[in-house]
Protein backbone atom coordinates (compact mmCIF):
# COMPACT_ATOMS: atom_id res chain seq x y z
CA ASP A 1 138.12 134.21 117.32
CA ASP A 2 140.26 137.10 118.64
CA ASN A 3 137.44 139.65 118.07
CA THR A 4 139.29 141.58 115.37
CA ALA A 5 139.18 142.17 111.64
CA ARG A 6 142.60 142.69 110.09
CA MET A 7 143.98 144.17 106.89
CA TRP A 8 147.11 142.73 105.24
CA ASP A 9 149.48 143.67 102.43
CA ALA A 10 148.91 141.00 99.76
CA GLN A 11 152.50 141.16 98.52
CA SER A 12 154.50 141.28 101.74
CA GLY A 13 152.06 139.65 104.17
CA GLN A 14 152.55 142.60 106.56
CA GLU A 15 149.67 143.47 108.86
CA LEU A 16 148.43 146.97 108.03
CA GLY A 17 145.57 147.46 110.48
CA ARG A 18 143.41 145.92 113.23
CA TYR A 19 139.75 146.70 113.80
CA PRO A 20 138.46 145.41 117.18
CA ASN A 21 134.86 144.25 117.60
CA PRO A 22 134.05 143.36 121.23
CA ALA A 23 131.65 140.52 120.34
CA GLY A 24 133.58 139.05 117.42
CA VAL A 25 133.45 139.58 113.66
CA LEU A 26 130.98 137.60 111.52
CA SER A 27 131.31 139.40 108.17
CA ILE A 28 133.34 142.08 106.41
CA ALA A 29 133.06 144.19 103.25
CA VAL A 30 135.29 146.84 101.66
CA SER A 31 133.83 149.90 99.93
CA PRO A 32 134.35 150.11 96.14
CA ASP A 33 136.81 153.01 96.53
CA GLY A 34 138.86 151.04 99.10
CA ASN A 35 138.53 153.74 101.74
CA PHE A 36 136.22 152.03 104.23
CA LEU A 37 135.71 148.65 105.88
CA LEU A 38 132.33 147.42 107.08
CA THR A 39 132.21 144.78 109.84
CA GLY A 40 129.27 142.83 111.21
CA SER A 41 129.42 141.57 114.78
CA ARG A 42 127.60 139.11 117.08
CA ASP A 43 126.39 142.05 119.20
CA GLY A 44 124.17 143.18 116.32
CA VAL A 45 126.28 146.27 115.58
CA THR A 46 127.56 147.11 112.09
CA ARG A 47 130.69 149.24 112.25
CA LEU A 48 132.26 151.44 109.57
CA TRP A 49 136.04 151.86 109.65
CA ASP A 50 138.30 154.27 107.78
CA ILE A 51 141.06 151.99 106.45
CA LYS A 52 143.18 154.68 104.84
CA PRO A 53 145.64 155.77 107.57
CA LYS A 54 146.00 159.47 108.19
CA VAL A 55 149.10 160.90 106.60
CA GLY A 56 151.65 161.99 109.20
CA LEU A 57 150.40 159.78 112.02
CA PRO A 58 152.00 156.38 111.49
CA SER A 59 151.67 153.26 113.56
CA PHE A 60 154.68 151.23 114.61
CA ASN A 61 154.09 147.53 114.04
CA ASP A 62 156.54 145.45 116.00
CA GLY A 63 154.67 142.15 116.05
CA ARG A 64 155.43 141.68 119.75
CA VAL A 65 154.06 143.13 122.97
CA ILE A 66 155.00 146.82 123.29
CA SER A 67 155.03 147.74 126.96
CA ALA A 68 157.47 150.66 126.91
CA VAL A 69 157.43 153.79 124.73
CA ALA A 70 159.43 157.02 124.70
CA TYR A 71 159.74 160.15 122.56
CA SER A 72 163.16 161.59 121.75
CA PRO A 73 163.84 165.09 123.13
CA ASN A 74 163.73 166.60 119.62
CA GLY A 75 160.50 164.79 118.72
CA LYS A 76 161.99 163.09 115.67
CA TYR A 77 162.20 159.55 117.00
CA VAL A 78 160.13 157.02 118.90
CA LEU A 79 161.51 154.24 121.06
CA THR A 80 159.60 151.02 121.79
CA GLY A 81 160.43 148.01 123.93
CA GLY A 82 158.65 144.87 124.98
CA GLY A 83 158.82 141.16 124.48
CA GLY A 84 156.90 138.05 123.65
CA ASP A 85 158.91 135.84 121.32
CA GLY A 86 162.22 137.21 122.59
CA SER A 87 162.77 140.89 123.36
CA ARG A 88 163.55 143.86 121.22
CA VAL A 89 164.07 147.61 121.51
CA SER A 90 163.43 149.55 118.32
CA LEU A 91 164.09 153.11 117.21
CA TRP A 92 161.54 154.50 114.75
CA ASP A 93 161.13 157.59 112.60
CA ALA A 94 158.27 159.45 114.31
CA PHE A 95 157.03 160.89 111.02
CA ASN A 96 156.89 157.92 108.67
CA GLY A 97 156.94 154.90 110.99
CA GLN A 98 160.14 153.44 109.53
CA ARG A 99 162.28 151.32 111.85
CA LEU A 100 165.74 152.93 111.95
CA GLN A 101 167.63 150.90 114.52
CA GLU A 102 167.38 147.82 116.73
CA PHE A 103 169.16 147.44 120.05
CA ILE A 104 169.72 143.71 120.48
CA GLY A 105 171.14 142.07 123.57
CA HIS A 106 168.44 141.63 126.17
CA THR A 107 167.20 138.06 126.53
CA GLU A 108 163.90 138.63 128.32
CA LEU A 109 160.98 141.04 128.49
CA ILE A 110 161.55 144.79 128.68
CA ASN A 111 158.73 146.02 130.88
CA TYR A 112 158.99 149.82 131.06
CA GLY A 113 162.74 150.15 130.78
CA VAL A 114 163.42 152.44 127.82
CA ALA A 115 164.70 156.03 127.93
CA PHE A 116 166.43 158.61 125.77
CA SER A 117 169.31 160.60 127.24
CA PRO A 118 168.51 164.33 127.53
CA ASP A 119 170.86 165.13 124.63
CA GLY A 120 169.26 162.41 122.49
CA ARG A 121 172.55 160.64 121.75
CA HIS A 122 172.03 157.53 123.88
CA VAL A 123 169.35 154.98 124.70
CA LEU A 124 169.06 153.31 128.10
CA THR A 125 167.24 150.01 128.55
CA GLY A 126 166.41 147.72 131.46
CA SER A 127 165.00 144.19 131.37
CA ILE A 128 163.75 141.43 133.60
CA ASP A 129 166.91 139.60 132.47
CA LYS A 130 168.44 141.68 135.32
CA SER A 131 170.55 143.87 133.06
CA ILE A 132 170.73 147.60 132.32
CA ARG A 133 172.32 148.54 129.00
CA LEU A 134 173.50 151.80 127.47
CA TRP A 135 173.46 152.11 123.67
CA ASP A 136 174.76 154.47 121.01
CA ILE A 137 171.68 155.71 119.16
CA GLN A 138 173.45 156.09 115.80
CA THR A 139 175.31 152.79 115.62
CA GLY A 140 173.11 150.62 117.82
CA GLU A 141 176.21 149.40 119.64
CA GLU A 142 176.14 148.55 123.32
CA ILE A 143 178.41 150.89 125.32
CA TYR A 144 178.19 149.08 128.65
CA LYS A 145 176.08 146.61 130.57
CA ILE A 146 175.23 146.53 134.28
CA ILE A 147 174.07 143.35 135.98
CA ASP A 148 171.43 144.19 138.58
CA SER A 149 170.44 142.09 141.57
CA GLY A 150 166.81 141.89 140.44
CA GLU A 151 164.51 142.05 137.44
CA VAL A 152 164.72 145.62 136.15
CA GLN A 153 161.29 147.18 135.68
CA SER A 154 162.13 150.73 134.60
CA VAL A 155 164.98 153.18 133.97
CA VAL A 156 165.10 156.97 133.71
CA PHE A 157 167.73 159.66 133.12
CA SER A 158 168.19 162.63 135.44
CA PRO A 159 167.29 165.93 133.74
CA ASP A 160 170.97 166.97 133.51
CA GLY A 161 171.99 163.58 132.08
CA LYS A 162 174.69 162.96 134.69
CA TYR A 163 172.84 160.09 136.37
CA PHE A 164 170.16 157.55 135.77
CA ALA A 165 167.93 155.61 138.13
CA SER A 166 166.57 152.10 137.96
CA ALA A 167 163.76 150.26 139.69
CA SER A 168 163.72 146.52 140.21
CA ALA A 169 161.68 144.22 142.40
CA ASN A 170 164.12 144.51 145.32
CA ALA A 171 166.01 147.79 144.82
CA VAL A 172 165.84 151.38 143.59
CA GLN A 173 169.29 152.64 142.61
CA LEU A 174 171.14 155.69 141.30
CA TRP A 175 173.94 155.24 138.75
CA ASN A 176 176.69 157.44 137.28
CA PHE A 177 176.05 157.85 133.56
CA GLU A 178 179.70 158.21 132.50
CA THR A 179 181.07 155.23 134.42
CA GLY A 180 178.05 153.00 134.99
CA GLU A 181 178.98 152.77 138.68
CA LYS A 182 176.33 152.72 141.40
CA VAL A 183 176.05 155.90 143.44
CA ARG A 184 173.47 154.87 146.07
CA ASP A 185 170.38 152.90 146.96
CA PHE A 186 167.04 154.40 147.89
CA GLY A 187 165.20 152.66 150.71
CA GLY A 188 166.13 149.49 152.50
CA VAL A 189 166.51 145.88 151.50
CA ASP A 190 163.67 144.54 149.36
CA GLN A 191 162.20 148.02 148.91
CA GLY A 192 162.05 148.05 145.14
CA GLY A 193 159.61 149.54 142.71
CA SER A 194 157.78 149.23 139.43
CA ARG A 195 158.45 152.72 138.11
CA VAL A 196 160.82 155.55 138.98
CA THR A 197 161.03 159.18 137.83
CA PHE A 198 163.02 162.35 138.59
CA SER A 199 161.48 165.70 139.46
CA PRO A 200 162.03 168.34 136.76
CA ASN A 201 164.83 169.97 138.79
CA GLY A 202 166.48 166.61 139.41
CA GLN A 203 166.46 166.99 143.21
CA LEU A 204 163.75 164.42 143.99
CA LEU A 205 163.09 160.85 142.94
CA ALA A 206 159.58 159.34 143.00
CA VAL A 207 159.06 155.58 143.16
CA ALA A 208 155.86 153.64 142.50
CA SER A 209 155.65 150.23 144.10
CA GLU A 210 153.05 147.48 144.18
CA LYS A 211 154.19 146.79 147.74
CA ASP A 212 154.84 150.23 149.26
CA GLY A 213 152.77 152.66 147.18
CA ALA A 214 154.42 155.97 146.24
CA ARG A 215 157.57 157.22 147.96
CA LEU A 216 159.57 160.40 147.49
CA PHE A 217 163.36 160.54 148.03
CA GLU A 218 165.99 163.28 148.07
CA VAL A 219 168.46 162.41 145.31
CA SER A 220 171.56 163.93 146.93
CA SER A 221 171.21 162.03 150.21
CA GLY A 222 168.92 159.12 149.42
CA GLN A 223 166.72 160.16 152.35
CA LEU A 224 163.01 159.33 152.30
CA ILE A 225 161.10 162.63 152.18
CA HIS A 226 157.51 161.43 152.03
CA HIS A 227 155.44 158.27 151.83
CA PHE A 228 152.13 159.06 150.15
CA ALA A 229 149.34 157.46 152.16
CA GLY A 230 146.13 155.91 150.98
CA GLN A 231 147.24 153.67 148.15
CA THR A 232 149.49 150.66 147.70
CA LYS A 233 149.91 148.50 144.60
CA LEU A 234 150.94 151.47 142.47
CA HIS A 235 152.56 150.66 139.15
CA SER A 236 153.29 154.04 137.53
CA VAL A 237 154.19 157.55 138.64
CA ALA A 238 154.99 160.93 137.03
CA PHE A 239 155.85 164.48 138.08
CA SER A 240 154.09 167.50 136.62
CA PRO A 241 156.41 169.73 134.55
CA ASP A 242 156.52 172.34 137.33
CA GLY A 243 157.26 169.69 139.96
CA ARG A 244 154.24 170.59 142.10
CA TYR A 245 152.17 167.47 141.53
CA LEU A 246 152.62 163.72 141.41
CA VAL A 247 150.25 161.38 139.59
CA ALA A 248 150.16 157.61 140.06
CA GLY A 249 148.16 154.69 138.70
CA SER A 250 147.08 151.53 140.50
CA VAL A 251 147.13 147.85 139.53
CA ALA A 252 144.81 146.98 142.40
CA ASN A 253 141.94 148.68 140.59
CA ALA A 254 141.41 151.38 137.98
CA ASP A 255 142.37 154.28 140.27
CA VAL A 256 144.50 157.26 139.25
CA TRP A 257 145.59 159.60 142.05
CA LEU A 258 146.97 163.15 142.08
CA TRP A 259 148.99 164.45 145.05
CA ASP A 260 150.50 167.76 146.08
CA VAL A 261 154.25 167.11 146.31
CA ASN A 262 154.89 169.63 149.09
CA THR A 263 152.04 168.68 151.42
CA GLY A 264 151.41 165.07 150.42
CA GLN A 265 147.70 165.87 150.18
CA ASN A 266 145.58 163.80 147.84
CA LEU A 267 143.96 166.33 145.52
CA ARG A 268 141.72 164.21 143.32
CA GLN A 269 141.02 160.93 141.58
CA PHE A 270 140.53 160.35 137.88
CA ILE A 271 137.66 157.90 137.45
CA GLY A 272 136.66 156.16 134.24
CA HIS A 273 138.99 153.28 133.39
CA THR A 274 137.54 149.82 133.89
CA ASP A 275 140.77 147.88 134.44
CA ILE A 276 144.21 148.32 136.02
CA ILE A 277 146.43 151.29 135.13
CA TRP A 278 149.78 150.52 133.50
CA SER A 279 151.15 154.01 132.80
CA VAL A 280 150.57 157.69 133.57
CA THR A 281 152.19 160.88 132.29
CA PHE A 282 151.73 164.66 132.17
CA SER A 283 151.57 166.76 129.02
CA PRO A 284 154.54 169.13 128.57
CA ASP A 285 152.44 172.13 129.66
CA GLY A 286 150.99 170.25 132.66
CA LYS A 287 147.38 170.89 131.65
CA TYR A 288 146.63 167.26 130.87
CA ILE A 289 147.31 163.79 132.24
CA ALA A 290 147.34 160.75 129.99
CA THR A 291 146.75 157.23 131.27
CA ALA A 292 147.15 153.77 129.74
CA SER A 293 145.09 150.82 130.92
CA ALA A 294 144.51 147.10 130.54
CA ASP A 295 140.96 148.03 129.46
CA GLY A 296 142.40 148.67 125.99
CA THR A 297 142.19 152.46 126.08
CA ALA A 298 144.36 155.46 126.75
CA ARG A 299 142.59 158.49 128.18
CA LEU A 300 143.21 162.22 128.42
CA TRP A 301 142.24 164.10 131.58
CA ASP A 302 142.06 167.69 132.74
CA THR A 303 144.66 168.00 135.51
CA GLN A 304 142.77 170.63 137.48
CA THR A 305 139.22 169.23 137.30
CA GLY A 306 139.81 165.50 136.87
CA GLN A 307 137.40 165.47 133.92
CA GLU A 308 137.95 162.92 131.17
CA LEU A 309 138.49 164.87 127.97
CA ARG A 310 139.13 162.16 125.43
CA ARG A 311 139.32 158.41 124.99
CA PHE A 312 141.81 156.88 122.54
CA ILE A 313 140.26 153.70 121.16
CA GLY A 314 141.81 151.48 118.50
CA HIS A 315 144.20 149.03 120.12
CA SER A 316 142.91 145.45 120.22
CA ALA A 317 144.55 144.63 123.57
CA GLY A 318 145.64 146.38 126.76
CA VAL A 319 147.55 149.66 126.47
CA GLU A 320 150.76 149.58 128.55
CA GLY A 321 152.82 152.62 127.54
CA VAL A 322 151.97 156.27 126.98
CA ALA A 323 154.07 159.36 126.18
CA PHE A 324 153.50 162.89 124.87
CA SER A 325 155.53 164.36 122.04
CA PRO A 326 157.80 167.21 123.27
CA ASP A 327 155.48 169.82 121.72
CA GLY A 328 152.42 168.20 123.30
CA LYS A 329 150.58 167.78 119.98
CA TYR A 330 150.68 164.00 119.83
CA LEU A 331 150.20 161.08 122.19
CA LEU A 332 152.17 157.87 121.73
CA THR A 333 150.69 154.60 123.00
CA GLY A 334 152.15 151.09 123.16
CA SER A 335 149.99 147.99 123.41
CA ASP A 336 149.97 144.26 124.01
CA ASP A 337 148.58 143.98 120.46
CA GLY A 338 152.13 144.51 119.15
CA THR A 339 151.67 148.06 117.89
CA ALA A 340 152.46 151.58 119.00
CA ARG A 341 150.29 154.41 117.70
CA LEU A 342 150.30 158.18 117.44
CA TRP A 343 147.18 160.24 118.15
CA ASP A 344 146.31 163.90 117.80
CA VAL A 345 145.87 165.35 121.28
CA ASP A 346 143.62 168.14 120.01
CA TYR A 347 140.47 166.35 118.89
CA HIS A 348 139.62 169.19 116.46
CA THR A 349 142.52 168.09 114.26
CA THR A 350 141.17 164.55 114.21
CA MET A 351 137.61 165.79 113.63
CA ASP A 352 138.59 167.78 110.56
CA TYR A 353 140.15 164.70 109.05
CA LEU A 354 137.36 162.28 109.97
CA CYS A 355 134.64 164.64 108.79
CA SER A 356 136.37 164.82 105.40
CA ARG A 357 136.04 161.03 105.11
CA LEU A 358 132.68 160.28 106.74
CA GLN A 359 129.41 160.37 104.87
CA ARG A 360 127.48 161.11 108.06
CA ASP A 361 127.68 162.92 111.38
CA PHE A 362 129.12 161.33 114.53
CA THR A 363 127.13 158.89 116.64
CA GLU A 364 126.62 159.50 120.36
CA GLU A 365 129.20 156.81 121.13
CA GLU A 366 131.76 158.48 118.85
CA ARG A 367 131.05 161.91 120.35
CA ALA A 368 131.73 160.48 123.81
CA GLN A 369 134.94 158.86 122.57
CA TYR A 370 136.33 162.19 121.36
CA GLY A 371 135.02 164.25 124.27
CA ILE A 372 132.58 166.34 122.20
CA ALA A 373 130.31 167.97 124.75
CA ASP A 374 128.29 170.39 122.58
CA THR A 375 125.06 169.25 120.91
CA SER A 376 125.50 170.89 117.50
CA PRO A 377 126.45 168.75 114.48
CA THR A 378 130.13 167.82 114.46
CA CYS A 379 130.50 167.38 110.71
CA PRO A 380 129.01 169.77 108.15
CA ALA A 381 125.92 168.43 106.44
CA LYS A 382 126.76 166.17 103.51
């Protein structure tokens, strides 16, 4: 009844894969070689699925909502956080999907509050249990805990690692990393935010708020520099790697906006999602923007043109978190379906693999999913 087919390990009972069918699944069959799954659906569509996962691109099955994801600075680890039946932050091996560490202490949902320190030695978490916690990445031990005045939505380290910022429903604050002491507030009373991020040089702080839209502050003084007009109910925000642009996603609709940081001018919209935007981020080279949405997809966009380049389909529920690997080759997504996944950013890498497994060429729907614009056959003739 949840519109999915699922594959399980017969010995351990572990879920190995989910295969969403929008109109529900009526029948299933596995190919004799065990490589493919066939599903029949109420919408009259028969779908063929590759059920052998691609080597090197693991999924991270947590069994609970994953709303927050992060990549370690060296690209070796993945961090996930969320909630559901309790809350949990997990450290994973980015190459084989093995869970390496759990950071246990929060008592309620972790929305978007997970971050690696710039040197990769510490993990910072924030929860709606109104606490911010710093952890040792090797031992999993809690180093200190800060009790906030509100439900903590997100946390982020400054680029130099000397500070971190937090956003809660009623406050945006700057903290000293070494001592855990508060340095200053940004904005007035009850001017909180959903997401907060530093500019690459660490001099500016951007805040996304469902109440006040996007605001830009000077870190050293706490002074408001700019209030980006035109949109409220913003839930996510990110700086481009060169600090020139700011992208934000809305929970009022499916809008994604790009602004010039210096002028405050709205440069373009990214149109295509069909439900609210949970997360946005830039690729390390700034050429691409990735978005995560309640419509169950993550999408890749051309920063300069606003064109949708690729659609990442596979999660069976809304996608809340999104992050690029440090080298820009992979995209990490976290979903309400309880999994985080890795995807090849360059669709040619994925095409080579899929063509080696398929016994046919791509359908028009599949070509649209992977952003294949040319009309020539994608896979060599079988």
